[in-house]
Protein backbone atom coordinates (compact mmCIF):
# COMPACT_ATOMS: atom_id res chain seq x y z
CA MET A 1 40.39 13.23 66.37
CA HIS A 2 43.65 14.87 67.33
CA ASP A 3 46.19 12.38 68.69
CA ALA A 4 49.71 13.80 69.03
CA TYR A 5 53.01 14.02 70.86
CA ILE A 6 54.48 17.52 70.43
CA ALA A 7 57.49 18.99 72.25
CA GLY A 8 57.18 16.58 75.19
CA GLU A 9 53.42 16.93 75.59
CA GLY A 10 50.79 14.33 74.78
CA VAL A 11 47.46 15.48 73.34
CA LEU A 12 44.35 13.37 72.82
CA HIS A 13 41.17 15.10 71.68
CA ALA A 14 38.40 12.87 70.36
CA THR A 15 35.02 14.04 69.10
CA LEU A 16 31.89 12.45 67.74
CA PHE A 17 31.36 13.72 64.18
CA GLY A 18 33.47 16.75 65.08
CA LEU A 19 30.64 18.07 67.26
CA VAL A 20 30.62 16.39 70.66
CA SER A 21 33.82 16.12 72.69
CA LEU A 22 34.44 12.56 73.89
CA ALA A 23 37.91 13.11 75.35
CA ASN A 24 40.21 16.07 75.79
CA LEU A 25 43.36 14.93 77.57
CA ARG A 26 46.71 16.70 77.74
CA GLY A 27 49.49 17.87 79.97
CA THR A 28 50.03 14.83 82.23
CA PRO A 29 53.07 12.53 82.22
CA GLU A 30 50.75 9.56 81.55
CA ILE A 31 49.29 11.17 78.41
CA ALA A 32 52.78 12.14 77.20
CA GLN A 33 54.02 8.59 77.69
CA GLY A 34 50.99 7.08 75.94
CA GLU A 35 51.35 9.37 72.94
CA LEU A 36 55.11 8.72 72.71
CA MET A 37 54.29 4.98 72.78
CA ARG A 38 51.90 5.46 69.89
CA PHE A 39 54.58 7.42 67.98
CA LEU A 40 57.17 4.66 68.47
CA ALA A 41 54.73 1.89 67.49
CA GLU A 42 53.59 3.83 64.40
CA ALA A 43 57.21 4.37 63.33
CA ALA A 44 56.75 1.23 61.20
CA TRP A 45 55.23 3.73 58.72
CA TYR A 46 58.39 5.88 58.76
CA PRO A 47 61.11 3.34 59.54
CA THR A 48 64.02 5.79 59.55
CA ALA A 49 62.61 7.03 62.91
CA LEU A 50 63.58 3.63 64.35
CA LEU A 51 67.29 4.09 63.68
CA PRO A 52 69.68 4.45 66.62
CA SER A 53 70.70 7.83 65.15
CA GLN A 54 67.14 9.00 65.97
CA GLY A 55 67.54 8.11 69.65
CA VAL A 56 66.10 4.58 69.68
CA GLN A 57 68.18 2.09 71.69
CA TRP A 58 67.72 -1.56 70.72
CA ILE A 59 68.35 -4.69 72.81
CA ALA A 60 67.90 -8.08 71.10
CA ILE A 61 65.78 -10.62 72.97
CA ASP A 62 66.03 -13.48 70.47
CA ASP A 63 66.10 -13.96 66.67
CA PHE A 64 62.56 -12.58 66.30
CA SER A 65 62.17 -9.92 69.00
CA ALA A 66 63.89 -6.88 70.47
CA LYS A 67 63.16 -4.15 72.97
CA ALA A 68 63.29 -0.56 71.75
CA THR A 69 63.78 2.25 74.25
CA LEU A 70 63.07 5.89 73.42
CA LYS A 71 63.66 8.89 75.71
CA ASP A 72 62.45 12.43 75.17
CA GLY A 73 63.15 14.76 78.07
CA GLU A 74 61.39 13.37 81.15
CA THR A 75 59.46 10.80 79.11
CA ALA A 76 61.03 7.38 78.56
CA LEU A 77 59.57 4.07 77.47
CA THR A 78 60.43 0.61 76.23
CA LEU A 79 58.33 -1.42 73.78
CA LEU A 80 58.71 -5.02 72.63
CA PHE A 81 58.99 -5.38 68.85
CA ARG A 82 58.39 -8.79 67.28
CA PHE A 83 59.60 -9.55 63.74
CA ASP A 84 58.59 -12.11 61.14
CA GLU A 85 60.96 -14.45 59.27
CA ASN A 86 61.74 -11.62 56.80
CA GLY A 87 62.73 -9.19 59.56
CA LEU A 88 59.56 -7.09 59.15
CA ILE A 89 57.74 -5.74 62.21
CA GLU A 90 54.89 -8.08 63.08
CA SER A 91 53.81 -6.48 66.36
CA VAL A 92 54.71 -3.85 68.94
CA ARG A 93 53.67 -4.35 72.56
CA ALA A 94 53.63 -2.40 75.81
CA GLU A 95 53.02 -4.26 79.06
CA ALA A 96 51.32 -1.20 80.56
CA ARG A 97 49.82 1.70 78.63
CA GLY A 98 47.35 4.02 80.33
CA ARG A 99 43.75 3.16 79.35
CA ALA A 100 41.00 5.59 80.40
CA VAL A 101 38.19 3.84 82.29
CA SER A 102 35.47 5.97 83.91
CA GLY A 103 37.82 8.91 84.39
CA THR A 104 40.64 6.78 85.80
CA THR A 105 43.80 5.69 84.00
CA ILE A 106 44.36 1.92 84.23
CA PRO A 107 47.73 0.44 83.11
CA THR A 108 46.79 -2.19 80.52
CA PRO A 109 48.82 -4.32 78.08
CA TRP A 110 48.56 -2.85 74.58
CA GLU A 111 49.58 -4.15 71.15
CA VAL A 112 49.84 -2.96 67.56
CA ARG A 113 49.86 -5.66 64.86
CA TRP A 114 51.21 -4.89 61.38
CA ASN A 115 50.77 -6.78 58.10
CA ASN A 116 50.54 -6.56 54.30
CA TYR A 117 53.91 -4.90 53.67
CA ASN A 118 54.57 -3.00 50.43
CA LEU A 119 57.57 -1.16 49.02
CA THR A 120 56.92 2.60 49.02
CA ASP A 121 59.60 5.09 47.94
CA GLY A 122 62.26 2.49 48.69
CA MET A 123 60.96 1.63 52.15
CA CYS A 124 59.06 -1.52 53.06
CA ILE A 125 56.11 -0.48 55.21
CA PRO A 126 52.96 -2.17 56.52
CA THR A 127 49.75 -1.08 54.82
CA GLU A 128 47.42 -2.64 57.39
CA GLY A 129 47.38 -2.43 61.16
CA GLU A 130 45.28 -3.15 64.22
CA VAL A 131 45.58 -1.71 67.73
CA ALA A 132 44.15 -3.53 70.73
CA TRP A 133 43.99 -3.49 74.50
CA LEU A 134 45.06 -6.91 75.80
CA ARG A 135 42.53 -7.50 78.56
CA PRO A 136 42.20 -10.69 80.66
CA GLU A 137 39.17 -11.79 78.60
CA GLY A 138 41.14 -11.35 75.35
CA ALA A 139 42.28 -8.73 72.86
CA LYS A 140 39.86 -5.83 72.37
CA PRO A 141 40.76 -4.06 69.10
CA TYR A 142 39.81 -0.40 68.96
CA PHE A 143 41.46 0.63 65.70
CA ARG A 144 41.90 -1.07 62.33
CA GLY A 145 43.34 0.84 59.42
CA ARG A 146 44.76 0.54 55.94
CA ILE A 147 47.12 2.84 54.10
CA THR A 148 45.71 3.60 50.66
CA SER A 149 48.21 6.28 49.65
CA LEU A 150 51.54 7.41 51.05
CA ARG A 151 54.34 9.63 49.82
CA TYR A 152 57.62 10.41 51.53
CA GLU A 153 59.55 13.67 51.16
CA PHE A 154 63.26 13.20 51.67
CA ALA A 155 65.63 15.96 52.79
CA HIS A 156 68.23 16.87 50.21
């Protein structure tokens, strides 16, 4: 699987066992926005990317949630971040992320849930996560993962 946001372009190429192409999407504004959403939600793994100096604009909603807005060229988006009592990211949500259904893109609520935080190279990061489409019949997770090893390289 190749899932990326590079120089303003979103790329999603999924295969079955590396042999059969299941999806090969790129070059549309919807794909770019979806991949930038994924980047922003996954920034919990590299928290310095969430700093205002990196282009993220924050607006507090209440003591446990805030909206983060990120713009890159023509692509802009806002996600809702929810925090636990320790200030750690508990979830990241989009009210409408493009979900491919029978060749059509359907805007669907989407959420990433983070847990099991550990200190790694001086940064507290989640080691477990789950990604789900939030459909009317309930959450439909499509990814669950766990970090088993991680190393940061810092600029000097």
